[in-house]
Amino acid sequence: MREHELIALAAPPTLTVIRGIHPDQLTAPTPCAEFDVRGLIDHLLQWGPSLARASRHSDGVLPPGDDALERQLAQLVAAWSAPAAWQGVTSMGGPNEMPARMVGGMVLAEIVVHGWDLARATGQPVSWDEEVLGFLHDEVAKTAELGRELGEYGAETPVPPDAPVLDRMLGLTGRDPYWARTPPA
C-alpha cells in the first residue's frame, strides 16, 4: 500500500471516536496533558486547515457547522489521498518548506495520535490497520527529535521493544500508552 492510501484507512476509527464523544466528556483530561477533550478538539480544528492546504490539493476552508471536525477530517483525507500531495516540498503556512512526505506523516500522526488521545479520554476502544501503524511508527521515529525540539512531543516514554507498534509509536511521542482516564469522584 502506498502512503497516500493510508490517510483514508486512518480516518474511520478516529471518526468513530469523534462521533462517540458526549457533551459531558468535553472537560475530561486527555493523555495530551495540555488539553482536555474540548481543547484537543479545538487544536484539531485550528491546525486542520493548514494541514489540508499543505497538501496543495485543498484550500482548507470549511463553512461553519456543528460537524466541523468530521468535515475537516474528510477534507484531510481527500487532500492527502492525492499521490502528488506526498511529493516535493510544502509548508504549513510559514516560510519554511519541508518534504511533503514528512508533512503527510504529520497529518497521519495528528489523525491517529489525537484519535487515540480522544478515545482514551472518553473511554472508547479504538484500533487502526497495522499497515497504518507500521508506516506511522517509522515516520514518527524519523521526526521524533524534531517534534520534541518544536514542543510537539514530550520526552520519549520507555516502551518494551516487543510492545504493540501503536504503543511503541505513542512512546516516541512522549505519551504513556498505558494512560487511563481517572473516573470522576
Protein backbone atom coordinates (compact mmCIF):
# COMPACT_ATOMS: atom_id res chain seq x y z
CA MET A 1 0.00 0.00 0.00
CA ARG A 2 1.26 3.50 -0.80
CA GLU A 3 1.34 6.34 1.70
CA HIS A 4 -1.45 8.32 0.03
CA GLU A 5 -3.83 5.40 0.72
CA LEU A 6 -3.10 5.33 4.44
CA ILE A 7 -4.94 8.52 5.40
CA ALA A 8 -8.23 7.00 4.22
CA LEU A 9 -7.56 3.95 6.42
CA ALA A 10 -6.59 6.03 9.44
CA ALA A 11 -9.61 8.33 9.45
CA PRO A 12 -12.59 5.98 10.09
CA PRO A 13 -11.51 4.79 13.56
CA THR A 14 -10.82 8.37 14.60
CA LEU A 15 -14.15 9.48 13.15
CA THR A 16 -15.92 6.79 15.18
CA VAL A 17 -14.24 8.15 18.32
CA ILE A 18 -15.23 11.73 17.47
CA ARG A 19 -18.85 10.69 16.95
CA GLY A 20 -18.79 8.86 20.30
CA ILE A 21 -17.83 11.89 22.37
CA HIS A 22 -20.64 13.04 24.67
CA PRO A 23 -21.05 16.67 25.77
CA ASP A 24 -20.39 15.75 29.40
CA GLN A 25 -16.93 14.43 28.39
CA LEU A 26 -15.63 17.73 26.98
CA THR A 27 -13.84 18.67 30.20
CA ALA A 28 -12.23 15.25 30.67
CA PRO A 29 -8.42 15.19 30.75
CA THR A 30 -6.56 13.60 27.84
CA PRO A 31 -3.18 11.90 27.53
CA CYS A 32 -2.13 15.08 25.71
CA ALA A 33 -1.63 16.81 29.07
CA GLU A 34 -2.06 20.39 27.91
CA PHE A 35 -5.58 19.72 26.57
CA ASP A 36 -8.87 18.47 27.90
CA VAL A 37 -11.21 16.89 25.32
CA ARG A 38 -12.65 20.26 24.22
CA GLY A 39 -9.16 21.78 23.97
CA LEU A 40 -7.92 18.88 21.87
CA ILE A 41 -10.90 19.21 19.53
CA ASP A 42 -10.14 22.94 19.24
CA HIS A 43 -6.49 22.10 18.50
CA LEU A 44 -7.53 19.77 15.68
CA LEU A 45 -9.88 22.39 14.28
CA GLN A 46 -7.16 25.04 14.45
CA TRP A 47 -4.46 23.01 12.65
CA GLY A 48 -6.65 21.12 10.18
CA PRO A 49 -6.98 23.89 7.58
CA SER A 50 -3.22 24.50 7.31
CA LEU A 51 -2.57 20.75 7.10
CA ALA A 52 -5.13 20.46 4.30
CA ARG A 53 -3.61 23.44 2.45
CA ALA A 54 -0.14 21.89 2.81
CA SER A 55 -1.32 19.06 0.55
CA ARG A 56 -1.64 21.62 -2.25
CA HIS A 57 -4.97 19.91 -3.10
CA SER A 58 -7.29 21.87 -0.80
CA ASP A 59 -7.91 25.47 0.19
CA GLY A 60 -8.52 24.32 3.78
CA VAL A 61 -11.69 26.42 4.08
CA LEU A 62 -14.73 24.86 5.73
CA PRO A 63 -18.07 26.63 6.14
CA PRO A 64 -19.24 26.77 9.77
CA GLY A 65 -21.33 23.91 11.12
CA ASP A 66 -21.78 21.62 14.09
CA ASP A 67 -19.93 18.80 12.35
CA ALA A 68 -16.81 20.86 11.54
CA LEU A 69 -14.38 18.28 12.90
CA GLU A 70 -15.95 15.47 10.88
CA ARG A 71 -15.90 17.57 7.72
CA GLN A 72 -12.33 18.65 8.41
CA LEU A 73 -11.27 15.04 8.74
CA ALA A 74 -12.95 14.27 5.41
CA GLN A 75 -11.15 17.25 3.87
CA LEU A 76 -7.77 15.97 5.13
CA VAL A 77 -8.50 12.53 3.71
CA ALA A 78 -9.41 13.97 0.31
CA ALA A 79 -6.43 16.33 0.25
CA TRP A 80 -3.79 13.80 1.31
CA SER A 81 -5.20 10.91 -0.73
CA ALA A 82 -3.81 12.52 -3.87
CA PRO A 83 -0.46 10.85 -4.66
CA ALA A 84 1.04 14.22 -5.66
CA ALA A 85 0.36 15.59 -2.15
CA TRP A 86 3.22 13.41 -0.88
CA GLN A 87 5.75 14.59 -3.46
CA GLY A 88 8.10 17.54 -3.46
CA VAL A 89 8.11 20.13 -0.72
CA THR A 90 5.38 22.08 1.01
CA SER A 91 4.77 24.32 4.00
CA MET A 92 2.10 24.64 6.63
CA GLY A 93 1.64 28.35 6.04
CA GLY A 94 5.01 29.61 7.25
CA PRO A 95 8.10 30.48 5.24
CA ASN A 96 9.85 27.16 5.87
CA GLU A 97 9.33 24.34 3.41
CA MET A 98 9.56 20.69 4.40
CA PRO A 99 9.38 17.46 2.44
CA ALA A 100 5.75 16.79 1.62
CA ARG A 101 6.13 13.19 2.78
CA MET A 102 7.17 14.46 6.22
CA VAL A 103 4.12 16.72 6.41
CA GLY A 104 1.89 13.87 5.23
CA GLY A 105 3.32 11.75 8.04
CA MET A 106 2.50 14.58 10.45
CA VAL A 107 -1.09 14.64 9.17
CA LEU A 108 -1.36 10.89 9.68
CA ALA A 109 0.08 11.30 13.20
CA GLU A 110 -2.46 14.03 14.03
CA ILE A 111 -5.29 11.74 12.98
CA VAL A 112 -4.07 8.63 14.81
CA VAL A 113 -2.36 10.05 17.90
CA HIS A 114 -5.07 12.57 18.71
CA GLY A 115 -7.72 9.98 17.84
CA TRP A 116 -6.08 7.73 20.43
CA ASP A 117 -5.95 10.64 22.91
CA LEU A 118 -9.67 11.26 22.48
CA ALA A 119 -10.50 7.56 22.72
CA ARG A 120 -8.57 7.18 25.96
CA ALA A 121 -10.06 10.34 27.44
CA THR A 122 -13.61 9.23 26.69
CA GLY A 123 -13.22 5.53 27.46
CA GLN A 124 -13.72 4.33 23.89
CA PRO A 125 -11.94 1.43 22.20
CA VAL A 126 -10.04 2.25 19.04
CA SER A 127 -7.70 0.43 16.70
CA TRP A 128 -6.09 1.12 13.34
CA ASP A 129 -4.89 -1.01 10.47
CA GLU A 130 -1.45 -2.50 11.16
CA GLU A 131 -0.08 -1.08 7.91
CA VAL A 132 -1.08 2.42 9.00
CA LEU A 133 0.57 1.90 12.38
CA GLY A 134 3.77 0.46 10.91
CA PHE A 135 4.16 3.35 8.49
CA LEU A 136 3.34 5.87 11.20
CA HIS A 137 5.79 4.33 13.66
CA ASP A 138 8.58 4.65 11.08
CA GLU A 139 7.64 8.27 10.27
CA VAL A 140 7.41 9.28 13.94
CA ALA A 141 10.75 7.59 14.65
CA LYS A 142 12.34 9.74 11.91
CA THR A 143 10.85 13.00 13.19
CA ALA A 144 10.55 12.47 16.96
CA GLU A 145 13.58 14.60 17.85
CA LEU A 146 12.31 17.44 15.65
CA GLY A 147 8.89 17.06 17.28
CA ARG A 148 10.50 17.43 20.71
CA GLU A 149 12.50 20.48 19.59
CA LEU A 150 9.30 22.09 18.35
CA GLY A 151 7.49 21.25 21.59
CA GLU A 152 5.02 18.96 19.83
CA TYR A 153 6.25 15.79 21.57
CA GLY A 154 7.29 15.19 25.14
CA ALA A 155 10.29 13.20 26.29
CA GLU A 156 10.20 9.67 24.95
CA THR A 157 8.29 7.28 27.19
CA PRO A 158 10.10 3.95 27.55
CA VAL A 159 8.09 1.13 25.99
CA PRO A 160 9.24 -2.50 25.73
CA PRO A 161 10.61 -3.33 22.27
CA ASP A 162 8.11 -6.19 21.95
CA ALA A 163 5.11 -3.95 22.76
CA PRO A 164 2.49 -3.44 20.04
CA VAL A 165 3.56 -0.99 17.34
CA LEU A 166 0.91 1.54 18.43
CA ASP A 167 2.34 1.56 21.97
CA ARG A 168 5.89 1.99 20.65
CA MET A 169 4.81 4.85 18.40
CA LEU A 170 2.94 6.54 21.27
CA GLY A 171 6.05 6.23 23.45
CA LEU A 172 8.06 8.05 20.77
CA THR A 173 5.61 10.97 21.02
CA GLY A 174 6.06 11.11 24.79
CA ARG A 175 2.74 9.50 25.59
CA ASP A 176 2.21 6.73 28.09
CA PRO A 177 0.43 4.02 26.08
CA TYR A 178 -0.98 2.69 29.35
CA TRP A 179 -2.60 6.04 30.28
CA ALA A 180 -6.09 5.60 31.67
CA ARG A 181 -8.62 8.26 32.48
CA THR A 182 -9.43 8.71 36.11
CA PRO A 183 -13.10 8.08 36.78
CA PRO A 184 -14.94 11.10 38.22
CA ALA A 185 -15.05 11.18 42.01
